[in-house]
Amino acid sequence: MKQSERNDDREPEEQVQQQRRQAGREAGELAVKLADEQVSAQSGKRTGEQEDDTEYCAHKMVLEHPEQTWEVAGHRGDVPEVRVLLRINLRSSALPQTKIVMGGSPSPFGMDEEDLEEAIELLRVEGAGVIRLCGFHFHSLSNNMDAGLHAEMIELYLQKVEQWQQRYHVQVDIVNAGGGFGVTYDGSPGFDWPLFTKLLEQSESRKRLAARGGELFFESGRLLVAEHGYYAAEVTDIKRSHGEWFAIVRGGTHHQRLPASWGHNHPFQIVYTEQWQHAFSRPEVKQGRVHIAGELCTPKDRLHSDAEVERLRVGDIVVFVKSGAYSWTISHHDFLGHPHPAFHYLTEEDEHVNANSVFQSASR
């Protein structure tokens, strides 16, 4: 391939990276703006004795059911008063539907919305002087791609909290709206963060929460880290079986379980290596489709099926991108006793591989 062709192929990727950086800046600017609104709304409420923001967040506990009141009371240690959030499983059919849902239906997560009155009364009576209800927690779904529906869900949360404040006369310092921000692995458009933050900024319910001294928290781990992890595995064998090609890598779902767990083809790139010290010819597949499988003795150990590649050889490195979230952390590390992978951490100051010259994007 000519250098000019490489430059042409590189431009779309650079544009994508530029868009991601711009979205990150916009998200950061909005976060500062929202925080300023909330801090100004709470001015005069916090005292000089209030802990810093890190401790302020860390000292909140989420109760999944009211009976945890006694457990918290018995283990509070030196903390004079434990501040808790009640996790609520809403009785609503208006919640978005994703592959994994934890709310809006029978679930082991949180407490039934119908039990809320009883839970608040229990905290007031049994937790008096020991436990203080300071807000509510929701986490109804996972990996939602629709930013508009997500904003509507947050609006539903805030409206519910307003109703409970009026009905039960409770002070709400925090509404934790959980996570659920989606990441795509098939090249389709992902969660539209700029749209979501724009809708959130316009929300009258959010503004009223801030005006009453309340804060809105999110758990956006996947969205923050998915793009910043890579899983690299060496191809150890290439074989043809019943007319189809298979590439076996040194690794598999015991290192990167997400594709097996979610049932998707994980995106990857190929790093070509030229080191080959054997007398026999190097096994390879050219301009064809190949299944990329791990080394475990199970057909479920597959990372990508029917991938179209220009070339893939034994000794090349397959780099699975978007491996920063729910990859190693959810994997069955010690299944069959295979070694754990090595971990390398890079900062912005570190030199990185010249991706434009050695990476080949896999067809989705």
Protein backbone atom coordinates (compact mmCIF):
# COMPACT_ATOMS: atom_id res chain seq x y z
CA MET A 1 0.00 0.00 0.00
CA LYS A 2 1.29 3.46 -0.87
CA GLN A 3 1.87 6.09 1.78
CA SER A 4 -0.77 8.35 0.20
CA GLU A 5 -3.33 5.54 0.51
CA ARG A 6 -2.44 5.12 4.19
CA ASN A 7 -3.01 8.83 4.74
CA ASP A 8 -6.41 8.63 3.05
CA ASP A 9 -7.40 5.70 5.28
CA ARG A 10 -6.17 7.52 8.34
CA GLU A 11 -8.25 10.67 7.92
CA PRO A 12 -11.64 9.18 8.98
CA GLU A 13 -10.08 7.71 12.14
CA GLU A 14 -8.46 11.04 13.02
CA GLN A 15 -11.82 12.74 12.54
CA VAL A 16 -13.47 10.23 14.87
CA GLN A 17 -10.80 10.79 17.53
CA GLN A 18 -11.19 14.56 17.15
CA GLN A 19 -14.96 14.26 17.60
CA ARG A 20 -14.44 12.17 20.75
CA ARG A 21 -12.06 14.72 22.22
CA GLN A 22 -14.52 17.53 21.41
CA ALA A 23 -17.38 15.58 23.02
CA GLY A 24 -15.21 15.08 26.10
CA ARG A 25 -14.50 18.79 26.36
CA GLU A 26 -18.19 19.64 25.97
CA ALA A 27 -19.14 17.10 28.62
CA GLY A 28 -16.55 18.53 30.99
CA GLU A 29 -17.72 22.09 30.42
CA LEU A 30 -21.32 21.14 31.07
CA ALA A 31 -20.36 19.19 34.20
CA VAL A 32 -18.64 22.31 35.57
CA LYS A 33 -21.64 24.43 34.69
CA LEU A 34 -24.09 22.08 36.39
CA ALA A 35 -21.84 21.77 39.43
CA ASP A 36 -21.69 25.57 39.70
CA GLU A 37 -25.48 25.74 39.68
CA GLN A 38 -25.75 23.11 42.41
CA VAL A 39 -23.03 24.64 44.59
CA SER A 40 -24.63 28.07 44.33
CA ALA A 41 -28.01 26.57 45.21
CA GLN A 42 -26.46 24.97 48.30
CA SER A 43 -24.46 27.97 49.43
CA GLY A 44 -25.11 28.62 53.09
CA LYS A 45 -26.21 25.03 53.66
CA ARG A 46 -22.81 23.39 53.99
CA THR A 47 -20.70 24.47 56.93
CA GLY A 48 -16.97 24.67 57.44
CA GLU A 49 -17.17 21.32 59.23
CA GLN A 50 -18.49 19.56 56.12
CA GLU A 51 -16.00 17.03 54.72
CA ASP A 52 -14.52 17.48 51.25
CA ASP A 53 -16.42 16.27 48.19
CA THR A 54 -14.68 12.88 48.05
CA GLU A 55 -15.58 12.03 51.63
CA TYR A 56 -19.02 13.59 51.19
CA CYS A 57 -19.81 11.10 48.43
CA ALA A 58 -18.07 8.13 50.04
CA HIS A 59 -20.03 8.36 53.30
CA LYS A 60 -23.33 7.60 51.60
CA MET A 61 -24.67 4.06 51.71
CA VAL A 62 -27.27 2.55 49.41
CA LEU A 63 -29.90 0.32 51.01
CA GLU A 64 -31.37 -2.38 48.78
CA HIS A 65 -34.11 -3.22 51.29
CA PRO A 66 -35.38 -1.60 54.51
CA GLU A 67 -34.20 -4.41 56.80
CA GLN A 68 -30.62 -3.33 56.14
CA THR A 69 -31.34 -0.53 58.61
CA TRP A 70 -30.38 -2.75 61.54
CA GLU A 71 -27.23 -3.98 59.79
CA VAL A 72 -26.09 -0.41 59.13
CA ALA A 73 -26.88 0.65 62.68
CA GLY A 74 -24.81 -2.20 64.10
CA HIS A 75 -21.74 -1.56 61.94
CA ARG A 76 -21.55 2.21 61.69
CA GLY A 77 -18.31 2.38 63.72
CA ASP A 78 -17.28 5.91 64.68
CA VAL A 79 -19.61 7.60 62.20
CA PRO A 80 -22.20 9.45 64.34
CA GLU A 81 -24.89 9.36 61.66
CA VAL A 82 -24.99 7.22 58.54
CA ARG A 83 -26.56 8.87 55.52
CA VAL A 84 -28.30 6.44 53.21
CA LEU A 85 -29.96 6.33 49.83
CA LEU A 86 -32.84 3.97 49.14
CA ARG A 87 -32.51 2.07 45.87
CA ILE A 88 -35.93 1.91 44.24
CA ASN A 89 -37.23 -0.49 41.61
CA LEU A 90 -39.89 1.63 39.95
CA ARG A 91 -43.26 0.23 38.96
CA SER A 92 -43.26 1.81 35.52
CA SER A 93 -43.64 0.57 31.98
CA ALA A 94 -42.05 3.77 30.65
CA LEU A 95 -38.45 2.67 31.26
CA PRO A 96 -36.33 1.97 28.16
CA GLN A 97 -35.75 -1.69 27.33
CA THR A 98 -32.19 -2.95 26.84
CA LYS A 99 -30.47 -6.34 26.86
CA ILE A 100 -30.04 -6.13 30.64
CA VAL A 101 -32.70 -4.48 32.82
CA MET A 102 -32.74 -4.24 36.61
CA GLY A 103 -35.85 -2.12 37.14
CA GLY A 104 -39.47 -1.82 36.08
CA SER A 105 -40.08 -5.55 36.58
CA PRO A 106 -39.52 -8.27 39.22
CA SER A 107 -35.84 -8.03 40.13
CA PRO A 108 -33.42 -8.78 42.97
CA PHE A 109 -32.17 -5.19 42.77
CA GLY A 110 -33.52 -2.45 44.99
CA MET A 111 -36.84 -2.34 46.78
CA ASP A 112 -40.30 -2.35 45.27
CA GLU A 113 -41.69 1.15 44.86
CA GLU A 114 -44.80 0.00 46.73
CA ASP A 115 -42.65 -0.63 49.84
CA LEU A 116 -41.24 2.90 49.94
CA GLU A 117 -43.64 4.29 52.56
CA GLU A 118 -42.88 1.43 54.92
CA ALA A 119 -39.14 1.84 54.36
CA ILE A 120 -39.21 5.57 55.14
CA GLU A 121 -41.20 4.98 58.31
CA LEU A 122 -38.77 2.27 59.42
CA LEU A 123 -35.84 4.61 58.94
CA ARG A 124 -37.58 7.33 60.93
CA VAL A 125 -38.43 5.07 63.85
CA GLU A 126 -35.68 2.44 64.03
CA GLY A 127 -32.94 4.64 62.56
CA ALA A 128 -33.66 7.81 64.54
CA GLY A 129 -30.39 9.48 65.55
CA VAL A 130 -28.35 6.80 63.78
CA ILE A 131 -29.42 6.74 60.13
CA ARG A 132 -30.66 9.61 58.01
CA LEU A 133 -32.35 9.22 54.63
CA CYS A 134 -30.71 11.73 52.30
CA GLY A 135 -31.82 10.58 48.86
CA PHE A 136 -32.68 7.89 46.36
CA HIS A 137 -30.79 5.62 44.02
CA PHE A 138 -31.92 4.20 40.68
CA HIS A 139 -30.19 1.84 38.29
CA SER A 140 -32.80 0.40 35.98
CA LEU A 141 -30.85 -0.82 32.95
CA SER A 142 -27.50 -1.36 31.31
CA ASN A 143 -25.93 -0.25 28.02
CA ASN A 144 -28.69 2.00 26.72
CA MET A 145 -27.93 3.54 23.32
CA ASP A 146 -30.83 5.99 23.11
CA ALA A 147 -29.80 9.31 24.66
CA GLY A 148 -33.29 10.79 24.27
CA LEU A 149 -34.95 7.90 26.10
CA HIS A 150 -32.25 8.04 28.76
CA ALA A 151 -33.00 11.71 29.39
CA GLU A 152 -36.71 10.86 29.64
CA MET A 153 -35.86 8.17 32.19
CA ILE A 154 -33.90 10.66 34.31
CA GLU A 155 -36.84 13.04 34.10
CA LEU A 156 -39.11 10.25 35.38
CA TYR A 157 -36.73 9.65 38.31
CA LEU A 158 -36.71 13.31 39.26
CA GLN A 159 -40.47 13.65 39.00
CA LYS A 160 -40.92 10.59 41.22
CA VAL A 161 -38.55 12.04 43.79
CA GLU A 162 -40.50 15.32 43.81
CA GLN A 163 -43.70 13.41 44.48
CA TRP A 164 -42.08 11.48 47.34
CA GLN A 165 -40.69 14.64 48.88
CA GLN A 166 -44.14 16.16 49.02
CA ARG A 167 -45.91 12.98 50.13
CA TYR A 168 -43.46 11.84 52.81
CA HIS A 169 -41.90 15.20 53.77
CA VAL A 170 -38.30 14.12 53.24
CA GLN A 171 -35.27 16.23 52.45
CA VAL A 172 -33.44 14.95 49.36
CA ASP A 173 -29.76 15.83 49.12
CA ILE A 174 -28.87 13.33 46.39
CA VAL A 175 -30.53 11.57 43.50
CA ASN A 176 -28.21 8.91 42.11
CA ALA A 177 -29.49 8.09 38.64
CA GLY A 178 -27.07 5.19 38.18
CA GLY A 179 -25.43 4.37 34.87
CA GLY A 180 -26.60 2.54 31.79
CA PHE A 181 -24.85 4.76 29.22
CA GLY A 182 -24.33 2.54 26.20
CA VAL A 183 -21.25 1.70 24.15
CA THR A 184 -21.53 0.04 20.74
CA TYR A 185 -19.20 -2.66 19.50
CA ASP A 186 -20.46 -3.08 15.93
CA GLY A 187 -19.59 0.29 14.44
CA SER A 188 -23.11 1.69 14.79
CA PRO A 189 -23.67 5.10 16.44
CA GLY A 190 -23.23 4.97 20.19
CA PHE A 191 -24.75 6.95 23.01
CA ASP A 192 -25.16 10.59 22.00
CA TRP A 193 -23.60 12.25 25.03
CA PRO A 194 -23.87 15.85 23.72
CA LEU A 195 -27.61 15.35 23.13
CA PHE A 196 -28.08 13.81 26.57
CA THR A 197 -26.28 16.61 28.38
CA LYS A 198 -28.19 19.20 26.36
CA LEU A 199 -31.51 17.65 27.40
CA LEU A 200 -30.30 17.36 30.98
CA GLU A 201 -29.29 21.00 31.03
CA GLN A 202 -32.78 21.96 29.82
CA SER A 203 -34.59 19.81 32.41
CA GLU A 204 -36.82 21.85 34.70
CA SER A 205 -36.94 18.97 37.20
CA ARG A 206 -33.15 19.02 37.48
CA LYS A 207 -33.18 22.77 37.99
CA ARG A 208 -35.77 22.41 40.76
CA LEU A 209 -33.67 19.71 42.43
CA ALA A 210 -30.64 22.01 42.40
CA ALA A 211 -32.71 24.93 43.69
CA ARG A 212 -33.77 22.78 46.67
CA GLY A 213 -30.12 21.99 47.43
CA GLY A 214 -30.07 18.56 45.81
CA GLU A 215 -27.41 16.98 43.64
CA LEU A 216 -27.78 14.61 40.69
CA PHE A 217 -25.17 11.84 40.46
CA PHE A 218 -24.39 9.40 37.65
CA GLU A 219 -22.37 6.18 37.43
CA SER A 220 -20.87 6.47 33.97
CA GLY A 221 -18.00 3.98 34.23
CA ARG A 222 -18.47 2.08 30.97
CA LEU A 223 -18.79 5.25 28.90
CA LEU A 224 -15.64 6.68 30.46
CA VAL A 225 -13.28 3.71 30.20
CA ALA A 226 -14.47 1.37 27.42
CA GLU A 227 -12.46 3.18 24.75
CA HIS A 228 -9.29 3.23 26.85
CA GLY A 229 -8.45 -0.46 27.11
CA TYR A 230 -6.99 -2.90 24.59
CA TYR A 231 -6.62 -6.66 24.72
CA ALA A 232 -3.76 -7.99 22.59
CA ALA A 233 -3.45 -11.71 21.79
CA GLU A 234 -0.99 -13.55 19.54
CA VAL A 235 -2.28 -15.87 16.82
CA THR A 236 -0.90 -19.35 17.57
CA ASP A 237 -2.66 -21.41 14.90
CA ILE A 238 -4.71 -21.02 11.74
CA LYS A 239 -6.74 -23.95 10.51
CA ARG A 240 -9.52 -24.79 8.10
CA SER A 241 -12.47 -26.86 9.33
CA HIS A 242 -15.52 -27.87 7.27
CA GLY A 243 -14.73 -25.13 4.79
CA GLU A 244 -14.29 -22.33 7.34
CA TRP A 245 -11.14 -20.67 8.68
CA PHE A 246 -10.30 -20.42 12.38
CA ALA A 247 -7.56 -18.34 14.00
CA ILE A 248 -6.62 -19.47 17.50
CA VAL A 249 -5.14 -16.86 19.81
CA ARG A 250 -3.10 -17.26 22.97
CA GLY A 251 -5.84 -16.07 25.29
CA GLY A 252 -9.59 -15.98 24.98
CA THR A 253 -12.73 -15.36 26.96
CA HIS A 254 -10.96 -16.12 30.25
CA HIS A 255 -9.20 -12.79 29.62
CA GLN A 256 -11.87 -10.92 27.64
CA ARG A 257 -15.32 -12.36 28.35
CA LEU A 258 -17.43 -9.47 27.09
CA PRO A 259 -18.13 -10.80 23.55
CA ALA A 260 -19.26 -14.17 24.91
CA SER A 261 -21.29 -12.54 27.68
CA TRP A 262 -23.04 -10.05 25.42
CA GLY A 263 -23.15 -12.24 22.32
CA HIS A 264 -21.41 -9.83 19.97
CA ASN A 265 -18.40 -9.78 17.66
CA HIS A 266 -15.76 -7.72 19.39
CA PRO A 267 -14.03 -5.13 17.16
CA PHE A 268 -10.33 -5.65 16.59
CA GLN A 269 -7.28 -4.51 14.68
CA ILE A 270 -4.28 -6.50 13.50
CA VAL A 271 -0.63 -5.79 14.23
CA TYR A 272 1.54 -7.54 11.66
CA THR A 273 4.81 -9.07 12.83
CA GLU A 274 7.57 -10.28 10.56
CA GLN A 275 9.39 -12.56 12.99
CA TRP A 276 9.22 -16.15 11.73
CA GLN A 277 12.09 -18.51 12.56
CA HIS A 278 10.65 -21.84 11.48
CA ALA A 279 11.61 -23.89 8.43
CA PHE A 280 8.01 -24.59 7.42
CA SER A 281 5.80 -22.04 5.72
CA ARG A 282 3.88 -19.60 7.88
CA PRO A 283 0.16 -20.49 8.14
CA GLU A 284 -2.09 -17.68 6.98
CA VAL A 285 -5.46 -16.73 5.58
CA LYS A 286 -5.73 -14.13 2.81
CA GLN A 287 -8.69 -12.05 1.73
CA GLY A 288 -11.18 -14.26 3.48
CA ARG A 289 -13.39 -14.69 6.49
CA VAL A 290 -12.12 -16.14 9.72
CA HIS A 291 -13.45 -16.96 13.18
CA ILE A 292 -11.17 -15.76 15.98
CA ALA A 293 -11.28 -18.20 18.88
CA GLY A 294 -9.46 -18.58 22.19
CA GLU A 295 -7.46 -21.50 23.56
CA LEU A 296 -10.09 -22.88 25.96
CA CYS A 297 -11.64 -26.30 25.37
CA THR A 298 -15.12 -24.93 24.73
CA PRO A 299 -16.80 -23.72 21.51
CA LYS A 300 -18.06 -20.75 23.52
CA ASP A 301 -14.52 -19.37 23.57
CA ARG A 302 -14.99 -17.15 20.54
CA LEU A 303 -14.09 -13.45 20.32
CA HIS A 304 -15.22 -12.65 16.77
CA SER A 305 -17.07 -14.72 14.20
CA ASP A 306 -16.86 -14.44 10.42
CA ALA A 307 -14.47 -11.49 10.37
CA GLU A 308 -13.31 -10.34 6.94
CA VAL A 309 -9.52 -9.82 6.82
CA GLU A 310 -7.03 -8.99 4.11
CA ARG A 311 -4.41 -11.17 5.74
CA LEU A 312 -3.86 -12.89 9.08
CA ARG A 313 -0.89 -15.11 9.96
CA VAL A 314 0.36 -17.16 12.87
CA GLY A 315 2.47 -14.80 14.97
CA ASP A 316 0.44 -11.69 14.16
CA ILE A 317 -1.18 -9.86 17.06
CA VAL A 318 -4.93 -9.32 17.26
CA VAL A 319 -5.76 -6.22 19.30
CA PHE A 320 -9.34 -6.07 20.56
CA VAL A 321 -10.26 -2.42 21.04
CA LYS A 322 -12.89 -1.07 23.44
CA SER A 323 -11.69 -3.48 26.12
CA GLY A 324 -11.58 -1.00 28.97
CA ALA A 325 -14.94 -1.96 30.52
CA TYR A 326 -16.44 -5.31 31.52
CA SER A 327 -13.62 -7.27 29.93
CA TRP A 328 -10.97 -8.65 32.30
CA THR A 329 -13.07 -7.70 35.31
CA ILE A 330 -15.93 -10.07 34.40
CA SER A 331 -13.80 -12.90 33.04
CA HIS A 332 -13.29 -16.36 34.57
CA HIS A 333 -9.55 -15.83 34.99
CA ASP A 334 -8.50 -19.22 36.30
CA PHE A 335 -10.64 -21.51 34.17
CA LEU A 336 -8.40 -24.44 33.07
CA GLY A 337 -5.41 -22.84 34.77
CA HIS A 338 -4.18 -20.73 31.86
CA PRO A 339 -1.83 -17.82 32.69
CA HIS A 340 -3.16 -14.32 33.29
CA PRO A 341 -2.24 -11.69 30.69
CA ALA A 342 0.38 -9.02 31.27
CA PHE A 343 -0.91 -5.51 31.97
CA HIS A 344 0.64 -2.36 30.58
CA TYR A 345 -0.51 1.15 31.46
CA LEU A 346 0.17 4.15 29.26
CA THR A 347 -0.17 7.84 30.07
CA GLU A 348 -0.45 10.76 27.70
CA GLU A 349 3.32 11.31 27.95
CA ASP A 350 4.24 7.76 26.86
CA GLU A 351 5.21 6.87 23.32
CA HIS A 352 2.65 4.68 21.56
CA VAL A 353 2.62 2.40 18.54
CA ASN A 354 2.36 4.16 15.18
CA ALA A 355 -1.17 2.95 14.54
CA ASN A 356 -1.37 4.36 11.02
CA SER A 357 1.36 2.10 9.64
CA VAL A 358 0.78 -1.22 11.39
CA PHE A 359 -2.92 -1.51 12.18
CA GLN A 360 -5.49 -2.99 9.85
CA SER A 361 -9.11 -2.44 10.90
CA ALA A 362 -11.26 -5.56 10.84
CA SER A 363 -14.47 -5.41 8.85
CA ARG A 364 -17.49 -5.43 11.09
